[in-house]
Structures are given as structure tokens and as C-alpha cells.
Amino acid sequence: MDNNHDEQQIRPTTIGRKNYLFTKSEVGAKANAMWYSIIQTAKLNKLRVREYLEYLLEAFAWTDQPDWKAYLPWAPEIQERFCITN
């Protein structure tokens, strides 16, 4: 019997621990937490994460007042465009 599944589940946290050393301030820690939340939420919604993040960054660079609900991972347009099964 092995615990490979469990080890793989905690691997991102242990790798992230090394990256946390570069968080020099509370603001930096909050920024990291936001990014990790966005990435994990995208994964849970079965999105192609890199493409989704690129889309978000490009969309928010060109608008001052984005319609946030349209960019949420479970929004129909986002699911249609970035879902892994498509």
C-alpha cells in the first residue's frame, strides 16, 4: 500500500512553500493568495488555466470597469471557451 495520491495532493503546497519565501510584505502575501485562489478555482472548474489567466490579464488591461461576473470561472462564456472538455 502506498500514499502516492496523498503525496501528489500536497505537492503544490510544498513547492509553493519555497515561493512564499519571496513574499516580503503583507501586500505581497495577499497578492499571492489572490493568484493561488484564481488558479485553484479555475482548476476546480476544469478550465485550461494558462489560457484563462492570459484572457483575464488581457481583458482587464483594456477596461476600467469590468463586468466581474462575466469573467468568473463558472460563467457560461468562460466555460464554453476554456473548459478542458471542449
N, C-alpha and C. Protein backbone atom coordinates (compact mmCIF):
# COMPACT_ATOMS: atom_id res chain seq x y z
N MET A 1 0.84 -1.17 0.00
CA MET A 1 0.00 0.00 0.00
C MET A 1 0.90 1.25 0.00
N ASP A 2 0.52 2.23 -0.77
CA ASP A 2 1.32 3.45 -0.81
C ASP A 2 0.42 4.67 -0.64
N ASN A 3 1.04 5.81 -0.53
CA ASN A 3 0.29 7.05 -0.36
C ASN A 3 0.64 8.06 -1.45
N ASN A 4 0.96 7.57 -2.66
CA ASN A 4 1.33 8.46 -3.76
C ASN A 4 0.26 9.49 -4.05
N HIS A 5 -1.00 9.09 -4.02
CA HIS A 5 -2.09 10.03 -4.28
C HIS A 5 -2.06 11.19 -3.28
N ASP A 6 -1.90 10.85 -2.02
CA ASP A 6 -1.86 11.89 -0.98
C ASP A 6 -0.64 12.80 -1.15
N GLU A 7 0.48 12.19 -1.49
CA GLU A 7 1.69 13.00 -1.68
C GLU A 7 1.53 13.96 -2.86
N GLN A 8 0.89 13.50 -3.91
CA GLN A 8 0.67 14.37 -5.07
C GLN A 8 -0.30 15.50 -4.75
N GLN A 9 -1.22 15.25 -3.85
CA GLN A 9 -2.18 16.27 -3.48
C GLN A 9 -1.54 17.42 -2.70
N ILE A 10 -0.53 17.12 -1.89
CA ILE A 10 0.11 18.17 -1.10
C ILE A 10 1.34 18.76 -1.80
N ARG A 11 1.73 18.20 -2.92
CA ARG A 11 2.92 18.67 -3.62
C ARG A 11 2.87 20.16 -3.96
N PRO A 12 1.77 20.69 -4.52
CA PRO A 12 1.75 22.12 -4.81
C PRO A 12 2.00 22.99 -3.58
N THR A 13 1.53 22.56 -2.44
CA THR A 13 1.75 23.32 -1.22
C THR A 13 3.21 23.32 -0.83
N THR A 14 3.86 22.16 -0.95
CA THR A 14 5.26 22.11 -0.57
C THR A 14 6.14 22.86 -1.56
N ILE A 15 5.79 22.84 -2.83
CA ILE A 15 6.54 23.63 -3.81
C ILE A 15 6.27 25.11 -3.57
N GLY A 16 5.04 25.45 -3.29
CA GLY A 16 4.68 26.83 -3.02
C GLY A 16 5.41 27.39 -1.81
N ARG A 17 5.69 26.53 -0.86
CA ARG A 17 6.38 26.97 0.36
C ARG A 17 7.71 27.64 0.02
N LYS A 18 8.40 27.13 -0.98
CA LYS A 18 9.65 27.75 -1.41
C LYS A 18 9.39 29.14 -2.00
N ASN A 19 8.29 29.28 -2.73
CA ASN A 19 7.95 30.56 -3.33
C ASN A 19 7.50 31.57 -2.29
N TYR A 20 6.96 31.11 -1.20
CA TYR A 20 6.48 32.01 -0.14
C TYR A 20 7.63 32.79 0.49
N LEU A 21 8.83 32.27 0.38
CA LEU A 21 9.99 32.96 0.94
C LEU A 21 10.20 34.32 0.29
N PHE A 22 9.71 34.48 -0.94
CA PHE A 22 9.89 35.73 -1.67
C PHE A 22 8.79 36.74 -1.39
N THR A 23 7.82 36.38 -0.59
CA THR A 23 6.77 37.30 -0.20
C THR A 23 7.32 38.14 0.94
N LYS A 24 7.71 39.35 0.62
CA LYS A 24 8.42 40.18 1.59
C LYS A 24 7.50 41.07 2.43
N SER A 25 6.23 41.16 2.03
CA SER A 25 5.33 42.06 2.76
C SER A 25 3.94 41.44 2.84
N GLU A 26 3.11 42.06 3.65
CA GLU A 26 1.73 41.61 3.78
C GLU A 26 0.97 41.79 2.47
N VAL A 27 1.26 42.87 1.77
CA VAL A 27 0.61 43.12 0.47
C VAL A 27 1.00 42.03 -0.53
N GLY A 28 2.28 41.65 -0.52
CA GLY A 28 2.73 40.58 -1.40
C GLY A 28 2.07 39.25 -1.08
N ALA A 29 1.91 38.98 0.20
CA ALA A 29 1.25 37.75 0.62
C ALA A 29 -0.21 37.73 0.17
N LYS A 30 -0.88 38.87 0.27
CA LYS A 30 -2.28 38.94 -0.19
C LYS A 30 -2.37 38.76 -1.70
N ALA A 31 -1.41 39.34 -2.43
CA ALA A 31 -1.39 39.18 -3.89
C ALA A 31 -1.19 37.71 -4.26
N ASN A 32 -0.26 37.03 -3.58
CA ASN A 32 -0.06 35.60 -3.82
C ASN A 32 -1.32 34.81 -3.53
N ALA A 33 -1.97 35.12 -2.44
CA ALA A 33 -3.20 34.40 -2.07
C ALA A 33 -4.27 34.58 -3.14
N MET A 34 -4.37 35.79 -3.68
CA MET A 34 -5.37 36.02 -4.74
C MET A 34 -5.06 35.19 -5.97
N TRP A 35 -3.77 35.18 -6.38
CA TRP A 35 -3.39 34.39 -7.56
C TRP A 35 -3.65 32.92 -7.34
N TYR A 36 -3.26 32.39 -6.19
CA TYR A 36 -3.49 30.99 -5.92
C TYR A 36 -4.98 30.66 -5.90
N SER A 37 -5.79 31.55 -5.38
CA SER A 37 -7.24 31.33 -5.36
C SER A 37 -7.81 31.29 -6.77
N ILE A 38 -7.38 32.22 -7.61
CA ILE A 38 -7.86 32.24 -9.00
C ILE A 38 -7.45 30.97 -9.73
N ILE A 39 -6.20 30.57 -9.55
CA ILE A 39 -5.70 29.38 -10.24
C ILE A 39 -6.42 28.12 -9.76
N GLN A 40 -6.57 27.96 -8.46
CA GLN A 40 -7.23 26.76 -7.94
C GLN A 40 -8.71 26.71 -8.33
N THR A 41 -9.36 27.86 -8.33
CA THR A 41 -10.77 27.91 -8.74
C THR A 41 -10.91 27.53 -10.21
N ALA A 42 -9.99 28.00 -11.02
CA ALA A 42 -10.01 27.64 -12.44
C ALA A 42 -9.80 26.13 -12.62
N LYS A 43 -8.88 25.56 -11.84
CA LYS A 43 -8.66 24.11 -11.92
C LYS A 43 -9.90 23.34 -11.50
N LEU A 44 -10.54 23.77 -10.43
CA LEU A 44 -11.75 23.09 -9.96
C LEU A 44 -12.88 23.16 -10.96
N ASN A 45 -12.89 24.22 -11.78
CA ASN A 45 -13.91 24.37 -12.81
C ASN A 45 -13.47 23.79 -14.14
N LYS A 46 -12.37 23.03 -14.11
CA LYS A 46 -11.85 22.29 -15.27
C LYS A 46 -11.55 23.21 -16.47
N LEU A 47 -10.90 24.34 -16.17
CA LEU A 47 -10.51 25.27 -17.23
C LEU A 47 -9.05 25.05 -17.61
N ARG A 48 -8.72 25.44 -18.83
CA ARG A 48 -7.32 25.50 -19.23
C ARG A 48 -6.75 26.75 -18.58
N VAL A 49 -6.01 26.57 -17.50
CA VAL A 49 -5.64 27.65 -16.58
C VAL A 49 -4.81 28.74 -17.26
N ARG A 50 -3.79 28.34 -17.99
CA ARG A 50 -2.92 29.35 -18.59
C ARG A 50 -3.68 30.23 -19.57
N GLU A 51 -4.49 29.63 -20.41
CA GLU A 51 -5.26 30.40 -21.38
C GLU A 51 -6.26 31.31 -20.68
N TYR A 52 -6.87 30.82 -19.62
CA TYR A 52 -7.83 31.61 -18.85
C TYR A 52 -7.15 32.82 -18.21
N LEU A 53 -5.97 32.60 -17.60
CA LEU A 53 -5.24 33.71 -16.98
C LEU A 53 -4.81 34.75 -18.02
N GLU A 54 -4.35 34.29 -19.16
CA GLU A 54 -3.97 35.23 -20.23
C GLU A 54 -5.17 36.07 -20.65
N TYR A 55 -6.31 35.42 -20.77
CA TYR A 55 -7.54 36.11 -21.15
C TYR A 55 -7.92 37.17 -20.10
N LEU A 56 -7.84 36.80 -18.83
CA LEU A 56 -8.16 37.75 -17.76
C LEU A 56 -7.24 38.96 -17.78
N LEU A 57 -5.94 38.70 -17.88
CA LEU A 57 -4.98 39.81 -17.87
C LEU A 57 -5.19 40.74 -19.06
N GLU A 58 -5.44 40.15 -20.21
CA GLU A 58 -5.67 40.99 -21.40
C GLU A 58 -6.97 41.77 -21.27
N ALA A 59 -8.02 41.13 -20.79
CA ALA A 59 -9.32 41.79 -20.67
C ALA A 59 -9.27 42.93 -19.65
N PHE A 60 -8.61 42.72 -18.54
CA PHE A 60 -8.56 43.75 -17.50
C PHE A 60 -7.60 44.88 -17.83
N ALA A 61 -6.68 44.63 -18.76
CA ALA A 61 -5.75 45.69 -19.16
C ALA A 61 -6.45 46.76 -20.00
N TRP A 62 -7.57 46.39 -20.62
CA TRP A 62 -8.22 47.31 -21.56
C TRP A 62 -9.51 47.91 -21.05
N THR A 63 -9.88 47.63 -19.82
CA THR A 63 -11.14 48.17 -19.31
C THR A 63 -10.96 48.69 -17.88
N ASP A 64 -11.64 49.78 -17.59
CA ASP A 64 -11.58 50.34 -16.24
C ASP A 64 -12.64 49.75 -15.32
N GLN A 65 -13.79 49.42 -15.86
CA GLN A 65 -14.91 48.90 -15.08
C GLN A 65 -15.37 47.56 -15.65
N PRO A 66 -14.64 46.48 -15.40
CA PRO A 66 -15.04 45.19 -15.96
C PRO A 66 -16.31 44.65 -15.31
N ASP A 67 -17.06 43.89 -16.07
CA ASP A 67 -18.21 43.17 -15.55
C ASP A 67 -17.67 41.87 -14.94
N TRP A 68 -17.38 41.89 -13.65
CA TRP A 68 -16.70 40.77 -12.99
C TRP A 68 -17.41 39.45 -13.18
N LYS A 69 -18.73 39.47 -13.16
CA LYS A 69 -19.49 38.22 -13.26
C LYS A 69 -19.23 37.52 -14.59
N ALA A 70 -18.94 38.27 -15.64
CA ALA A 70 -18.68 37.68 -16.95
C ALA A 70 -17.35 36.94 -17.00
N TYR A 71 -16.45 37.21 -16.06
CA TYR A 71 -15.12 36.61 -16.07
C TYR A 71 -14.94 35.51 -15.03
N LEU A 72 -15.97 35.22 -14.26
CA LEU A 72 -15.87 34.16 -13.26
C LEU A 72 -15.73 32.80 -13.94
N PRO A 73 -15.01 31.87 -13.33
CA PRO A 73 -14.75 30.58 -13.97
C PRO A 73 -16.00 29.78 -14.32
N TRP A 74 -17.09 30.00 -13.64
CA TRP A 74 -18.31 29.25 -13.91
C TRP A 74 -19.26 29.99 -14.84
N ALA A 75 -18.86 31.16 -15.33
CA ALA A 75 -19.69 31.89 -16.29
C ALA A 75 -19.80 31.06 -17.58
N PRO A 76 -20.99 31.03 -18.18
CA PRO A 76 -21.19 30.19 -19.37
C PRO A 76 -20.19 30.46 -20.50
N GLU A 77 -19.90 31.72 -20.78
CA GLU A 77 -18.96 32.04 -21.86
C GLU A 77 -17.55 31.53 -21.55
N ILE A 78 -17.14 31.67 -20.30
CA ILE A 78 -15.82 31.20 -19.88
C ILE A 78 -15.76 29.68 -19.96
N GLN A 79 -16.79 29.01 -19.50
CA GLN A 79 -16.84 27.55 -19.57
C GLN A 79 -16.77 27.08 -21.02
N GLU A 80 -17.50 27.73 -21.88
CA GLU A 80 -17.52 27.34 -23.28
C GLU A 80 -16.16 27.56 -23.94
N ARG A 81 -15.50 28.62 -23.57
CA ARG A 81 -14.23 28.99 -24.21
C ARG A 81 -13.01 28.25 -23.66
N PHE A 82 -12.98 27.98 -22.35
CA PHE A 82 -11.76 27.46 -21.72
C PHE A 82 -11.89 26.10 -21.06
N CYS A 83 -13.05 25.49 -21.11
CA CYS A 83 -13.24 24.20 -20.46
C CYS A 83 -12.37 23.13 -21.13
N ILE A 84 -11.76 22.28 -20.35
CA ILE A 84 -10.86 21.25 -20.84
C ILE A 84 -11.59 20.29 -21.78
N THR A 85 -12.85 20.01 -21.52
CA THR A 85 -13.57 19.04 -22.33
C THR A 85 -13.92 19.56 -23.71
N ASN A 86 -13.81 20.87 -23.93
CA ASN A 86 -14.10 21.43 -25.26
C ASN A 86 -12.92 21.35 -26.17
